[in-house]
Amino acid sequence: MTCFSDVVLLVLAMGLVLSLIRLAKGPSLADRIVALDLMATITVAVAGVYSVAYRQTVFLDVAIVLALISFVGTVGISVYMGIKTGKEGR
């Protein structure tokens, strides 16, 4: 199980690096928001894989809290972006 989880963690780390590049280079604010949300999702996946691989259940709690905070943050930024551009949907 450790070899498989190491490979999965390596693939997730590569995805994190690629999303960091998109965050830095993103031509628009929406691209950067999506990249930041993807980074949070990958971090939740890393915490989940680490929790299963090393039998540390506390990381599942960390993953749940991070997922909830990420969701609320993404919704908040999206609402702010909609108000800023005048597309409130009313």
Protein backbone atom coordinates (compact mmCIF):
# COMPACT_ATOMS: atom_id res chain seq x y z
CA MET A 1 0.00 0.00 0.00
CA THR A 2 2.86 2.39 0.71
CA CYS A 3 4.28 2.23 -2.82
CA PHE A 4 0.86 2.90 -4.36
CA SER A 5 0.17 5.78 -1.98
CA ASP A 6 3.60 7.26 -2.75
CA VAL A 7 2.80 7.21 -6.46
CA VAL A 8 -0.59 8.82 -5.84
CA LEU A 9 0.99 11.51 -3.67
CA LEU A 10 3.58 12.16 -6.39
CA VAL A 11 0.86 12.59 -9.03
CA LEU A 12 -1.06 14.92 -6.72
CA ALA A 13 2.10 16.94 -6.10
CA MET A 14 2.60 17.30 -9.86
CA GLY A 15 -0.99 18.51 -10.17
CA LEU A 16 -0.38 20.98 -7.37
CA VAL A 17 2.68 22.38 -9.18
CA LEU A 18 0.75 22.69 -12.44
CA SER A 19 -2.11 24.49 -10.73
CA LEU A 20 0.40 26.80 -9.03
CA ILE A 21 1.72 27.70 -12.49
CA ARG A 22 -1.84 28.42 -13.66
CA LEU A 23 -2.37 30.54 -10.56
CA ALA A 24 0.70 32.62 -11.37
CA LYS A 25 0.17 32.90 -15.14
CA GLY A 26 -3.64 32.90 -15.34
CA PRO A 27 -4.73 35.57 -17.80
CA SER A 28 -7.94 36.37 -15.94
CA LEU A 29 -9.16 36.51 -12.37
CA ALA A 30 -11.54 33.61 -13.02
CA ASP A 31 -8.63 31.38 -14.08
CA ARG A 32 -6.81 32.22 -10.88
CA ILE A 33 -9.87 31.48 -8.75
CA VAL A 34 -10.31 28.08 -10.40
CA ALA A 35 -6.60 27.32 -9.94
CA LEU A 36 -6.78 28.23 -6.26
CA ASP A 37 -9.86 26.06 -5.81
CA LEU A 38 -8.08 23.19 -7.57
CA MET A 39 -5.11 23.59 -5.24
CA ALA A 40 -7.41 23.34 -2.23
CA THR A 41 -9.08 20.25 -3.69
CA ILE A 42 -5.71 18.61 -4.33
CA THR A 43 -4.67 19.42 -0.77
CA VAL A 44 -7.83 17.72 0.52
CA ALA A 45 -6.98 14.69 -1.61
CA VAL A 46 -3.41 14.64 -0.25
CA ALA A 47 -4.72 14.71 3.32
CA GLY A 48 -7.12 11.87 2.50
CA VAL A 49 -4.47 9.70 0.85
CA TYR A 50 -2.03 10.35 3.67
CA SER A 51 -4.71 9.47 6.22
CA VAL A 52 -5.49 6.15 4.56
CA ALA A 53 -1.89 5.23 3.81
CA TYR A 54 -0.50 5.91 7.27
CA ARG A 55 -3.66 5.19 9.29
CA GLN A 56 -3.83 8.66 10.80
CA THR A 57 -7.52 9.46 11.14
CA VAL A 58 -6.89 13.02 12.29
CA PHE A 59 -6.04 13.97 8.71
CA LEU A 60 -9.58 13.10 7.62
CA ASP A 61 -10.83 15.79 9.99
CA VAL A 62 -8.31 18.20 8.51
CA ALA A 63 -9.49 17.29 5.00
CA ILE A 64 -13.15 17.89 5.90
CA VAL A 65 -12.44 21.27 7.50
CA LEU A 66 -10.24 22.33 4.58
CA ALA A 67 -12.92 21.30 2.07
CA LEU A 68 -15.58 23.32 3.90
CA ILE A 69 -13.38 26.41 4.19
CA SER A 70 -12.39 26.11 0.54
CA PHE A 71 -16.01 25.86 -0.56
CA VAL A 72 -17.08 28.89 1.45
CA GLY A 73 -14.07 30.87 0.22
CA THR A 74 -14.72 30.00 -3.42
CA VAL A 75 -18.37 30.97 -3.14
CA GLY A 76 -17.42 34.22 -1.42
CA ILE A 77 -14.86 35.14 -4.06
CA SER A 78 -17.29 34.25 -6.85
CA VAL A 79 -20.01 36.43 -5.34
CA TYR A 80 -17.53 39.28 -4.95
CA MET A 81 -16.40 38.83 -8.55
CA GLY A 82 -20.02 38.87 -9.74
CA ILE A 83 -20.76 42.07 -7.83
CA LYS A 84 -17.53 43.67 -9.03
CA THR A 85 -18.34 43.01 -12.68
CA GLY A 86 -21.99 43.96 -12.30
CA LYS A 87 -23.34 40.48 -13.07
CA GLU A 88 -25.34 39.92 -9.91
CA GLY A 89 -27.94 37.71 -11.56
CA ARG A 90 -30.94 39.75 -10.46
